C-alpha atoms as a PDB file:
ATOM      1  CA  MET A   1     100.627 -63.322  15.591  1.00  0.00           C
ATOM      2  CA  LEU A   2      98.571 -66.238  16.944  1.00  0.00           C
ATOM      3  CA  GLY A   3     101.265 -67.205  19.439  1.00  0.00           C
ATOM      4  CA  TYR A   4     102.930 -70.034  17.495  1.00  0.00           C
ATOM      5  CA  SER A   5     106.576 -69.734  16.507  1.00  0.00           C
ATOM      6  CA  ASP A   6     108.957 -71.566  14.213  1.00  0.00           C
ATOM      7  CA  LYS A   7     111.782 -70.520  16.551  1.00  0.00           C
ATOM      8  CA  ALA A   8     110.031 -72.293  19.435  1.00  0.00           C
ATOM      9  CA  GLY A   9     109.692 -75.413  17.298  1.00  0.00           C
ATOM     10  CA  ASP A  10     105.917 -75.243  16.814  1.00  0.00           C
ATOM     11  CA  PHE A  11     106.318 -75.643  13.059  1.00  0.00           C
ATOM     12  CA  THR A  12     108.864 -75.346  10.268  1.00  0.00           C
ATOM     13  CA  ILE A  13     108.678 -72.692   7.573  1.00  0.00           C
ATOM     14  CA  ALA A  14     108.534 -75.421   4.918  1.00  0.00           C
ATOM     15  CA  ASP A  15     105.519 -77.010   6.614  1.00  0.00           C
ATOM     16  CA  ALA A  16     103.799 -73.795   7.795  1.00  0.00           C
ATOM     17  CA  ALA A  17     100.747 -74.319   5.573  1.00  0.00           C
ATOM     18  CA  GLY A  18     100.435 -77.936   6.685  1.00  0.00           C
ATOM     19  CA  PHE A  19     100.657 -76.911  10.335  1.00  0.00           C
ATOM     20  CA  ALA A  20      97.983 -74.239   9.759  1.00  0.00           C
ATOM     21  CA  GLN A  21      95.711 -76.949   8.391  1.00  0.00           C
ATOM     22  CA  ARG A  22      96.404 -79.330  11.289  1.00  0.00           C
ATOM     23  CA  ILE A  23      95.454 -76.721  13.898  1.00  0.00           C
ATOM     24  CA  GLY A  24      92.330 -75.780  11.937  1.00  0.00           C
ATOM     25  CA  LEU A  25      93.415 -72.337  10.715  1.00  0.00           C
ATOM     26  CA  PHE A  26      93.184 -73.415   7.057  1.00  0.00           C
ATOM     27  CA  PRO A  27      90.075 -75.522   6.289  1.00  0.00           C
ATOM     28  CA  ILE A  28      91.633 -77.051   3.173  1.00  0.00           C
ATOM     29  CA  ALA A  29      95.039 -77.647   1.640  1.00  0.00           C
ATOM     30  CA  TYR A  30      95.640 -74.717  -0.704  1.00  0.00           C
ATOM     31  CA  THR A  31      97.610 -75.706  -3.799  1.00  0.00           C
ATOM     32  CA  GLY A  32      98.447 -74.017  -7.074  1.00  0.00           C
ATOM     33  CA  THR A  33      97.611 -70.403  -7.753  1.00  0.00           C
ATOM     34  CA  LEU A  34      95.859 -68.521  -4.954  1.00  0.00           C
ATOM     35  CA  THR A  35      92.912 -66.385  -6.016  1.00  0.00           C
ATOM     36  CA  GLN A  36      91.856 -63.141  -4.369  1.00  0.00           C
ATOM     37  CA  GLY A  37      88.910 -65.093  -2.958  1.00  0.00           C
ATOM     38  CA  ASP A  38      91.324 -67.580  -1.379  1.00  0.00           C
ATOM     39  CA  LEU A  39      93.284 -64.747   0.215  1.00  0.00           C
ATOM     40  CA  PHE A  40      90.098 -63.121   1.516  1.00  0.00           C
ATOM     41  CA  GLU A  41      88.952 -66.377   3.103  1.00  0.00           C
ATOM     42  CA  MET A  42      92.381 -66.920   4.679  1.00  0.00           C
ATOM     43  CA  ALA A  43      92.302 -63.437   6.193  1.00  0.00           C
ATOM     44  CA  ALA A  44      88.730 -63.852   7.459  1.00  0.00           C
ATOM     45  CA  ASP A  45      89.548 -67.248   8.969  1.00  0.00           C
ATOM     46  CA  ALA A  46      92.627 -65.807  10.710  1.00  0.00           C
ATOM     47  CA  LEU A  47      90.661 -62.876  12.145  1.00  0.00           C
ATOM     48  CA  SER A  48      88.085 -65.202  13.701  1.00  0.00           C
ATOM     49  CA  PHE A  49      90.715 -67.694  14.949  1.00  0.00           C
ATOM     50  CA  SER A  50      91.659 -67.889  18.620  1.00  0.00           C
ATOM     51  CA  TYR A  51      95.083 -67.041  19.962  1.00  0.00           C
ATOM     52  CA  ARG A  52      97.068 -70.032  21.146  1.00  0.00           C
ATOM     53  CA  ASP A  53      96.342 -69.250  24.793  1.00  0.00           C
ATOM     54  CA  GLY A  54      92.586 -69.219  24.072  1.00  0.00           C
ATOM     55  CA  SER A  55      92.256 -65.693  25.450  1.00  0.00           C
ATOM     56  CA  ALA A  56      90.370 -64.228  22.487  1.00  0.00           C
ATOM     57  CA  THR A  57      90.006 -64.265  18.742  1.00  0.00           C
ATOM     58  CA  VAL A  58      92.215 -61.968  16.693  1.00  0.00           C
ATOM     59  CA  ILE A  59      89.295 -59.716  15.736  1.00  0.00           C
ATOM     60  CA  GLY A  60      88.054 -59.711  19.330  1.00  0.00           C
ATOM     61  CA  ARG A  61      91.421 -58.481  20.585  1.00  0.00           C
ATOM     62  CA  LEU A  62      91.667 -55.865  17.807  1.00  0.00           C
ATOM     63  CA  VAL A  63      88.232 -54.542  18.761  1.00  0.00           C
ATOM     64  CA  SER A  64      89.089 -54.471  22.476  1.00  0.00           C
ATOM     65  CA  GLN A  65      92.318 -52.597  21.684  1.00  0.00           C
ATOM     66  CA  GLY A  66      90.417 -50.030  19.628  1.00  0.00           C
ATOM     67  CA  THR A  67      92.333 -50.897  16.471  1.00  0.00           C
ATOM     68  CA  VAL A  68      89.096 -51.832  14.718  1.00  0.00           C
ATOM     69  CA  SER A  69      85.622 -50.537  15.513  1.00  0.00           C
ATOM     70  CA  ARG A  70      82.973 -53.017  16.614  1.00  0.00           C
ATOM     71  CA  ALA A  71      80.654 -51.612  13.938  1.00  0.00           C
ATOM     72  CA  ALA A  72      83.181 -52.339  11.185  1.00  0.00           C
ATOM     73  CA  ALA A  73      83.805 -55.867  12.467  1.00  0.00           C
ATOM     74  CA  ASN A  74      80.060 -56.489  12.698  1.00  0.00           C
ATOM     75  CA  ALA A  75      79.519 -55.144   9.186  1.00  0.00           C
ATOM     76  CA  LEU A  76      81.876 -57.835   7.891  1.00  0.00           C
ATOM     77  CA  GLY A  77      80.124 -60.514   9.957  1.00  0.00           C
ATOM     78  CA  LEU A  78      83.271 -61.219  11.973  1.00  0.00           C
ATOM     79  CA  LEU A  79      81.619 -60.907  15.377  1.00  0.00           C
ATOM     80  CA  THR A  80      78.435 -62.787  14.525  1.00  0.00           C
ATOM     81  CA  PRO A  81      78.499 -65.807  16.861  1.00  0.00           C
ATOM     82  CA  ALA A  82      76.156 -68.135  14.947  1.00  0.00           C
ATOM     83  CA  LEU A  83      77.912 -70.105  12.206  1.00  0.00           C
ATOM     84  CA  THR A  84      76.622 -71.357   8.879  1.00  0.00           C
ATOM     85  CA  ALA A  85      76.986 -75.044   8.024  1.00  0.00           C
ATOM     86  CA  ARG A  86      79.984 -74.234   5.841  1.00  0.00           C
ATOM     87  CA  GLN A  87      81.632 -72.242   8.615  1.00  0.00           C
ATOM     88  CA  VAL A  88      81.113 -75.127  11.031  1.00  0.00           C
ATOM     89  CA  ALA A  89      82.748 -77.485   8.542  1.00  0.00           C
ATOM     90  CA  ASP A  90      85.623 -75.092   7.863  1.00  0.00           C
ATOM     91  CA  ARG A  91      86.350 -74.260  11.489  1.00  0.00           C
ATOM     92  CA  CYS A  92      85.574 -77.525  13.275  1.00  0.00           C
ATOM     93  CA  ALA A  93      86.372 -80.473  10.994  1.00  0.00           C
ATOM     94  CA  ALA A  94      90.115 -80.231  11.651  1.00  0.00           C
ATOM     95  CA  ALA A  95      89.473 -81.064  15.323  1.00  0.00           C
ATOM     96  CA  VAL A  96      87.637 -84.323  14.486  1.00  0.00           C
ATOM     97  CA  PHE A  97      89.434 -87.530  13.527  1.00  0.00           C
ATOM     98  CA  ARG A  98      88.928 -91.092  12.404  1.00  0.00           C
ATOM     99  CA  LEU A  99      89.620 -93.527  15.229  1.00  0.00           C
ATOM    100  CA  ASP A 100      90.945 -96.930  14.131  1.00  0.00           C
ATOM    101  CA  THR A 101      91.172 -99.621  16.801  1.00  0.00           C
ATOM    102  CA  TYR A 102      92.922-102.991  16.971  1.00  0.00           C
ATOM    103  CA  GLU A 103      91.847-105.875  19.200  1.00  0.00           C
ATOM    104  CA  THR A 104      95.297-107.512  19.222  1.00  0.00           C
ATOM    105  CA  GLU A 105      98.868-106.388  18.678  1.00  0.00           C
ATOM    106  CA  ALA A 106      99.095-108.927  15.852  1.00  0.00           C
ATOM    107  CA  TYR A 107      96.258-107.179  14.041  1.00  0.00           C
ATOM    108  CA  ARG A 108      98.026-103.861  14.654  1.00  0.00           C
ATOM    109  CA  ASP A 109     101.284-105.187  13.199  1.00  0.00           C
ATOM    110  CA  GLU A 110      99.437-106.493  10.139  1.00  0.00           C
ATOM    111  CA  GLY A 111      97.443-103.282   9.712  1.00  0.00           C
ATOM    112  CA  LEU A 112      94.112-105.074  10.176  1.00  0.00           C
ATOM    113  CA  VAL A 113      91.685-102.543  11.659  1.00  0.00           C
ATOM    114  CA  THR A 114      89.037-104.212  13.853  1.00  0.00           C
ATOM    115  CA  GLY A 115      87.001-101.133  14.702  1.00  0.00           C
ATOM    116  CA  GLU A 116      86.295 -97.758  13.088  1.00  0.00           C
ATOM    117  CA  ALA A 117      84.919 -94.847  15.045  1.00  0.00           C
ATOM    118  CA  SER A 118      85.389 -91.106  15.562  1.00  0.00           C
ATOM    119  CA  GLY A 119      86.810 -88.712  18.118  1.00  0.00           C
ATOM    120  CA  PHE A 120      87.488 -85.002  18.589  1.00  0.00           C
ATOM    121  CA  PHE A 121      90.123 -82.924  20.353  1.00  0.00           C
ATOM    122  CA  ILE A 122      89.174 -80.677  23.252  1.00  0.00           C
ATOM    123  CA  THR A 123      92.685 -79.348  23.976  1.00  0.00           C
ATOM    124  CA  GLU A 124      95.514 -78.457  21.628  1.00  0.00           C
ATOM    125  CA  ASP A 125      97.911 -80.697  23.568  1.00  0.00           C
ATOM    126  CA  GLY A 126      96.085 -83.869  22.529  1.00  0.00           C
ATOM    127  CA  LEU A 127      93.178 -84.579  24.885  1.00  0.00           C
ATOM    128  CA  ALA A 128      90.280 -85.956  22.871  1.00  0.00           C
ATOM    129  CA  VAL A 129      86.778 -87.301  23.488  1.00  0.00           C
ATOM    130  CA  THR A 130      85.188 -90.427  22.052  1.00  0.00           C
ATOM    131  CA  ASN A 131      82.658 -93.063  23.110  1.00  0.00           C
ATOM    132  CA  TYR A 132      83.785 -95.679  25.600  1.00  0.00           C
ATOM    133  CA  HIS A 133      82.339 -98.432  23.428  1.00  0.00           C
ATOM    134  CA  SER A 134      84.616 -97.280  20.585  1.00  0.00           C
ATOM    135  CA  ILE A 135      87.728 -98.295  22.552  1.00  0.00           C
ATOM    136  CA  ALA A 136      86.242-100.989  24.818  1.00  0.00           C
ATOM    137  CA  ASP A 137      87.878-104.021  23.153  1.00  0.00           C
ATOM    138  CA  ALA A 138      91.022-102.350  21.843  1.00  0.00           C
ATOM    139  CA  VAL A 139      94.656-102.828  22.829  1.00  0.00           C
ATOM    140  CA  SER A 140      95.834-100.193  20.352  1.00  0.00           C
ATOM    141  CA  ALA A 141      94.313 -97.271  18.449  1.00  0.00           C
ATOM    142  CA  THR A 142      95.263 -94.494  16.042  1.00  0.00           C
ATOM    143  CA  ALA A 143      93.776 -91.100  15.172  1.00  0.00           C
ATOM    144  CA  THR A 144      93.766 -89.999  11.530  1.00  0.00           C
ATOM    145  CA  LEU A 145      93.234 -86.286  10.950  1.00  0.00           C
ATOM    146  CA  SER A 146      91.525 -84.663   7.986  1.00  0.00           C
ATOM    147  CA  THR A 147      95.047 -83.942   6.670  1.00  0.00           C
ATOM    148  CA  GLY A 148      95.865 -87.664   6.541  1.00  0.00           C
ATOM    149  CA  ASP A 149      98.399 -87.421   9.377  1.00  0.00           C
ATOM    150  CA  VAL A 150      98.179 -90.406  11.751  1.00  0.00           C
ATOM    151  CA  TYR A 151      98.930 -90.352  15.497  1.00  0.00           C
ATOM    152  CA  GLU A 152      98.878 -93.043  18.174  1.00  0.00           C
ATOM    153  CA  VAL A 153      96.464 -93.063  21.091  1.00  0.00           C
ATOM    154  CA  GLU A 154      98.763 -93.106  24.122  1.00  0.00           C
ATOM    155  CA  ARG A 155      96.530 -93.229  27.204  1.00  0.00           C
ATOM    156  CA  VAL A 156      92.942 -93.252  28.409  1.00  0.00           C
ATOM    157  CA  ILE A 157      92.675 -90.343  30.857  1.00  0.00           C
ATOM    158  CA  TYR A 158      89.038 -90.836  31.860  1.00  0.00           C
ATOM    159  CA  TYR A 159      86.295 -93.285  30.986  1.00  0.00           C
ATOM    160  CA  ASP A 160      82.833 -94.295  32.126  1.00  0.00           C
ATOM    161  CA  PRO A 161      81.131 -97.282  30.453  1.00  0.00           C
ATOM    162  CA  ASP A 162      77.722 -96.355  31.890  1.00  0.00           C
ATOM    163  CA  ILE A 163      77.595 -92.972  30.197  1.00  0.00           C
ATOM    164  CA  ASP A 164      79.669 -94.221  27.235  1.00  0.00           C
ATOM    165  CA  ILE A 165      82.315 -91.504  27.277  1.00  0.00           C
ATOM    166  CA  ALA A 166      86.099 -91.679  27.248  1.00  0.00           C
ATOM    167  CA  VAL A 167      88.824 -89.046  27.171  1.00  0.00           C
ATOM    168  CA  ILE A 168      92.016 -90.181  25.479  1.00  0.00           C
ATOM    169  CA  ARG A 169      95.450 -88.633  24.975  1.00  0.00           C
ATOM    170  CA  VAL A 170      96.853 -88.619  21.448  1.00  0.00           C
ATOM    171  CA  SER A 171     100.589 -88.514  20.753  1.00  0.00           C
ATOM    172  CA  HIS A 172     102.158 -85.503  19.008  1.00  0.00           C
ATOM    173  CA  ALA A 173     104.579 -87.816  17.199  1.00  0.00           C
ATOM    174  CA  ALA A 174     103.170 -88.939  13.861  1.00  0.00           C
ATOM    175  CA  LEU A 175     103.077 -92.561  12.786  1.00  0.00           C
ATOM    176  CA  LYS A 176     102.406 -91.208   9.300  1.00  0.00           C
ATOM    177  CA  GLY A 177     102.830 -87.631   8.124  1.00  0.00           C
ATOM    178  CA  HIS A 178     104.076 -84.786  10.303  1.00  0.00           C
ATOM    179  CA  ASP A 179     104.782 -84.475  14.006  1.00  0.00           C
ATOM    180  CA  THR A 180     102.838 -81.570  15.473  1.00  0.00           C
ATOM    181  CA  SER A 181     103.136 -79.252  18.450  1.00  0.00           C
ATOM    182  CA  ALA A 182      99.376 -78.606  18.606  1.00  0.00           C
ATOM    183  CA  PHE A 183      96.041 -79.958  17.414  1.00  0.00           C
ATOM    184  CA  ALA A 184      92.892 -78.132  16.410  1.00  0.00           C
ATOM    185  CA  ALA A 185      90.438 -78.356  19.308  1.00  0.00           C
ATOM    186  CA  LEU A 186      86.729 -77.792  19.873  1.00  0.00           C
ATOM    187  CA  ASP A 187      85.306 -75.682  22.656  1.00  0.00           C
ATOM    188  CA  ILE A 188      82.852 -77.416  24.972  1.00  0.00           C
ATOM    189  CA  ALA A 189      79.658 -75.469  25.588  1.00  0.00           C
ATOM    190  CA  ASP A 190      79.900 -73.924  29.061  1.00  0.00           C
ATOM    191  CA  SER A 191      76.620 -75.450  30.180  1.00  0.00           C
ATOM    192  CA  GLY A 192      76.979 -78.673  28.215  1.00  0.00           C
ATOM    193  CA  THR A 193      73.512 -79.598  27.015  1.00  0.00           C
ATOM    194  CA  GLY A 194      71.875 -77.203  29.484  1.00  0.00           C
ATOM    195  CA  ASP A 195      71.080 -74.518  26.920  1.00  0.00           C
ATOM    196  CA  LEU A 196      69.844 -76.899  24.221  1.00  0.00           C
ATOM    197  CA  ARG A 197      66.163 -76.805  23.351  1.00  0.00           C
ATOM    198  CA  ALA A 198      64.005 -78.896  21.034  1.00  0.00           C
ATOM    199  CA  GLY A 199      64.127 -77.284  17.611  1.00  0.00           C
ATOM    200  CA  ASP A 200      67.681 -75.939  17.953  1.00  0.00           C
ATOM    201  CA  THR A 201      69.938 -76.438  14.938  1.00  0.00           C
ATOM    202  CA  VAL A 202      72.839 -78.839  15.495  1.00  0.00           C
ATOM    203  CA  TYR A 203      75.661 -80.224  13.363  1.00  0.00           C
ATOM    204  CA  ALA A 204      77.295 -83.646  13.541  1.00  0.00           C
ATOM    205  CA  ILE A 205      80.881 -84.289  12.410  1.00  0.00           C
ATOM    206  CA  GLY A 206      82.322 -87.786  12.372  1.00  0.00           C
ATOM    207  CA  ASN A 207      83.603 -90.675  10.308  1.00  0.00           C
ATOM    208  CA  PRO A 208      80.474 -92.506   9.019  1.00  0.00           C
ATOM    209  CA  LEU A 209      81.147 -95.998   7.696  1.00  0.00           C
ATOM    210  CA  GLY A 210      84.878 -95.313   7.866  1.00  0.00           C
ATOM    211  CA  LEU A 211      84.681 -93.342   4.631  1.00  0.00           C
ATOM    212  CA  GLY A 212      86.215 -90.141   6.001  1.00  0.00           C
ATOM    213  CA  LEU A 213      84.976 -87.080   7.833  1.00  0.00           C
ATOM    214  CA  ALA A 214      81.489 -85.854   6.988  1.00  0.00           C
ATOM    215  CA  VAL A 215      79.236 -83.069   8.246  1.00  0.00           C
ATOM    216  CA  SER A 216      75.461 -83.280   8.633  1.00  0.00           C
ATOM    217  CA  SER A 217      72.888 -80.895  10.035  1.00  0.00           C
ATOM    218  CA  GLY A 218      69.576 -81.302  11.788  1.00  0.00           C
ATOM    219  CA  ILE A 219      67.475 -80.123  14.678  1.00  0.00           C
ATOM    220  CA  VAL A 220      67.222 -81.275  18.268  1.00  0.00           C
ATOM    221  CA  SER A 221      64.210 -83.555  18.660  1.00  0.00           C
ATOM    222  CA  ALA A 222      64.570 -84.069  22.412  1.00  0.00           C
ATOM    223  CA  THR A 223      67.159 -83.045  24.977  1.00  0.00           C
ATOM    224  CA  GLN A 224      66.417 -85.627  27.690  1.00  0.00           C
ATOM    225  CA  ARG A 225      65.593 -88.920  25.953  1.00  0.00           C
ATOM    226  CA  ASP A 226      65.960 -91.904  28.295  1.00  0.00           C
ATOM    227  CA  VAL A 227      67.650 -94.817  26.530  1.00  0.00           C
ATOM    228  CA  GLU A 228      68.141 -98.175  28.257  1.00  0.00           C
ATOM    229  CA  ARG A 229      71.851 -98.597  27.487  1.00  0.00           C
ATOM    230  CA  TYR A 230      72.887 -95.150  28.784  1.00  0.00           C
ATOM    231  CA  ALA A 231      72.974 -93.957  32.404  1.00  0.00           C
ATOM    232  CA  LEU A 232      72.260 -90.351  31.379  1.00  0.00           C
ATOM    233  CA  PRO A 233      69.439 -89.102  29.133  1.00  0.00           C
ATOM    234  CA  CYS A 234      70.541 -88.600  25.543  1.00  0.00           C
ATOM    235  CA  VAL A 235      70.134 -85.785  23.045  1.00  0.00           C
ATOM    236  CA  MET A 236      68.045 -86.967  20.115  1.00  0.00           C
ATOM    237  CA  SER A 237      68.391 -85.098  16.827  1.00  0.00           C
ATOM    238  CA  THR A 238      67.893 -85.409  13.082  1.00  0.00           C
ATOM    239  CA  ALA A 239      71.581 -84.770  12.266  1.00  0.00           C
ATOM    240  CA  ASP A 240      72.530 -87.905  10.321  1.00  0.00           C
ATOM    241  CA  ILE A 241      75.109 -90.304  11.741  1.00  0.00           C
ATOM    242  CA  SER A 242      76.021 -93.856  10.769  1.00  0.00           C
ATOM    243  CA  GLU A 243      78.159 -96.716  12.031  1.00  0.00           C
ATOM    244  CA  GLY A 244      81.633 -95.248  12.448  1.00  0.00           C
ATOM    245  CA  SER A 245      80.248 -91.930  13.679  1.00  0.00           C
ATOM    246  CA  SER A 246      80.433 -93.147  17.283  1.00  0.00           C
ATOM    247  CA  GLY A 247      82.561 -90.718  19.243  1.00  0.00           C
ATOM    248  CA  GLY A 248      82.023 -87.815  16.865  1.00  0.00           C
ATOM    249  CA  ALA A 249      80.976 -84.313  17.850  1.00  0.00           C
ATOM    250  CA  LEU A 250      77.468 -82.907  18.033  1.00  0.00           C
ATOM    251  CA  LEU A 251      77.840 -79.130  17.796  1.00  0.00           C
ATOM    252  CA  ASN A 252      75.597 -76.171  18.447  1.00  0.00           C
ATOM    253  CA  VAL A 253      75.399 -73.226  16.021  1.00  0.00           C
ATOM    254  CA  TYR A 254      78.396 -71.619  17.736  1.00  0.00           C
ATOM    255  CA  GLY A 255      80.634 -74.573  16.864  1.00  0.00           C
ATOM    256  CA  GLN A 256      80.771 -75.783  20.467  1.00  0.00           C
ATOM    257  CA  ALA A 257      80.577 -79.469  21.375  1.00  0.00           C
ATOM    258  CA  VAL A 258      77.405 -80.277  23.310  1.00  0.00           C
ATOM    259  CA  ALA A 259      77.260 -84.063  22.982  1.00  0.00           C
ATOM    260  CA  VAL A 260      79.015 -87.139  21.580  1.00  0.00           C
ATOM    261  CA  THR A 261      77.317 -88.884  18.653  1.00  0.00           C
ATOM    262  CA  SER A 262      76.685 -92.448  19.731  1.00  0.00           C
ATOM    263  CA  GLY A 263      73.851 -94.344  18.033  1.00  0.00           C
ATOM    264  CA  ALA A 264      70.342 -94.392  16.636  1.00  0.00           C
ATOM    265  CA  TYR A 265      66.995 -96.111  16.951  1.00  0.00           C
ATOM    266  CA  VAL A 266      67.255 -98.982  14.481  1.00  0.00           C
ATOM    267  CA  TYR A 267      63.614 -98.851  13.415  1.00  0.00           C
ATOM    268  CA  GLY A 268      63.207 -95.094  13.643  1.00  0.00           C
ATOM    269  CA  ASN A 269      63.578 -92.342  11.096  1.00  0.00           C
ATOM    270  CA  SER A 270      66.007 -89.497  11.839  1.00  0.00           C
ATOM    271  CA  MET A 271      66.219 -90.545  15.498  1.00  0.00           C
ATOM    272  CA  TYR A 272      69.939 -90.184  16.167  1.00  0.00           C
ATOM    273  CA  LEU A 273      71.350 -90.279  19.685  1.00  0.00           C
ATOM    274  CA  ALA A 274      74.215 -88.419  21.320  1.00  0.00           C
ATOM    275  CA  VAL A 275      75.378 -88.788  24.908  1.00  0.00           C
ATOM    276  CA  PRO A 276      75.765 -85.478  26.782  1.00  0.00           C
ATOM    277  CA  ILE A 277      79.290 -84.150  27.159  1.00  0.00           C
ATOM    278  CA  ASP A 278      78.425 -82.581  30.530  1.00  0.00           C
ATOM    279  CA  PRO A 279      80.448 -85.097  32.659  1.00  0.00           C
ATOM    280  CA  ILE A 280      83.644 -83.911  30.949  1.00  0.00           C
ATOM    281  CA  LEU A 281      83.092 -80.434  32.383  1.00  0.00           C
ATOM    282  CA  THR A 282      83.657 -81.713  35.920  1.00  0.00           C
ATOM    283  CA  ALA A 283      85.923 -84.713  35.286  1.00  0.00           C
ATOM    284  CA  ASP A 284      89.514 -84.738  36.549  1.00  0.00           C
ATOM    285  CA  LEU A 285      91.579 -84.855  33.362  1.00  0.00           C
ATOM    286  CA  THR A 286      94.940 -84.196  35.025  1.00  0.00           C
ATOM    287  CA  GLY A 287      95.884 -87.769  35.858  1.00  0.00           C
ATOM    288  CA  GLU A 288      98.267 -90.043  33.983  1.00  0.00           C
ATOM    289  CA  GLY A 289      95.477 -92.405  32.964  1.00  0.00           C
ATOM    290  CA  LEU A 290      95.753 -95.984  31.715  1.00  0.00           C
ATOM    291  CA  THR A 291      96.907 -97.666  28.547  1.00  0.00           C
ATOM    292  CA  LEU A 292      94.255 -99.309  26.383  1.00  0.00           C
ATOM    293  CA  PRO A 293      95.356-102.833  27.462  1.00  0.00           C
ATOM    294  CA  GLU A 294      95.102-101.743  31.118  1.00  0.00           C
ATOM    295  CA  VAL A 295      91.566-100.431  30.584  1.00  0.00           C
ATOM    296  CA  LEU A 296      90.601-103.682  28.845  1.00  0.00           C
ATOM    297  CA  GLU A 297      92.065-105.760  31.672  1.00  0.00           C
ATOM    298  CA  ALA A 298      90.396-103.651  34.376  1.00  0.00           C
ATOM    299  CA  GLU A 299      86.968-103.949  32.785  1.00  0.00           C
ATOM    300  CA  THR A 300      87.379-107.656  32.034  1.00  0.00           C
ATOM    301  CA  VAL A 301      88.338-108.395  35.648  1.00  0.00           C
ATOM    302  CA  GLY A 302      85.655-106.052  36.955  1.00  0.00           C
END
């Protein structure tokens, strides 16, 4: 009913639950006996999930068709746009991944990771955002999802060292785990950081210290903080990030990406920085892009 089909090769019946987790429909891997609470959460998650074409959520379409009244949907909290911290974790974590980078092919062959960062998908076909500095010295990189499935970074579609943003394309063919026809993806806020205000609640999801995905919450301290290393003013917030969180998602209360978690003031307290995602809204992401070695060579020569 969401637009995916086993007949079209999107998933296999045997791996349907795994596929649902990879696209973010299921927040966790359900095992053993399912409780009534589990079934209720599954149904609620499905109702608030978007159709494959992104046209609407299931409950939104049911309301527009008159199948369900808006009052009934509101009474169950299904149309309430603001998300709790748990809802953000449940709905958004599947779209964020651990980014492992390798400075040489020899390190790659030996499995010696030389850099750990984060990234997040913005389209179901594998376009993802990270920091430029996360991939700057790499000749190879992999994305590890919350499910443990591992995919290769194929190309760099867009990058800008001055604003520290890169858009990469991730392969659908798994190096470990299951091939997939689609990834969970985050929506980008229509106005980027334009609607953010000091005091707004935000959530950060990333891979701190390479220990696995983690969610933190905080408030926006400043929306236009000038920082010497970045060409654009940064969002400063109290949502905790650590080394390894670079390239992760800073989300508003609607679960939309507004910035890319990037760093912190070393001698400050709760002064975490995220570069605005606004340039992605106008960037041309249709090109073939470059391989990681080609990006490295271009920047080294430049």
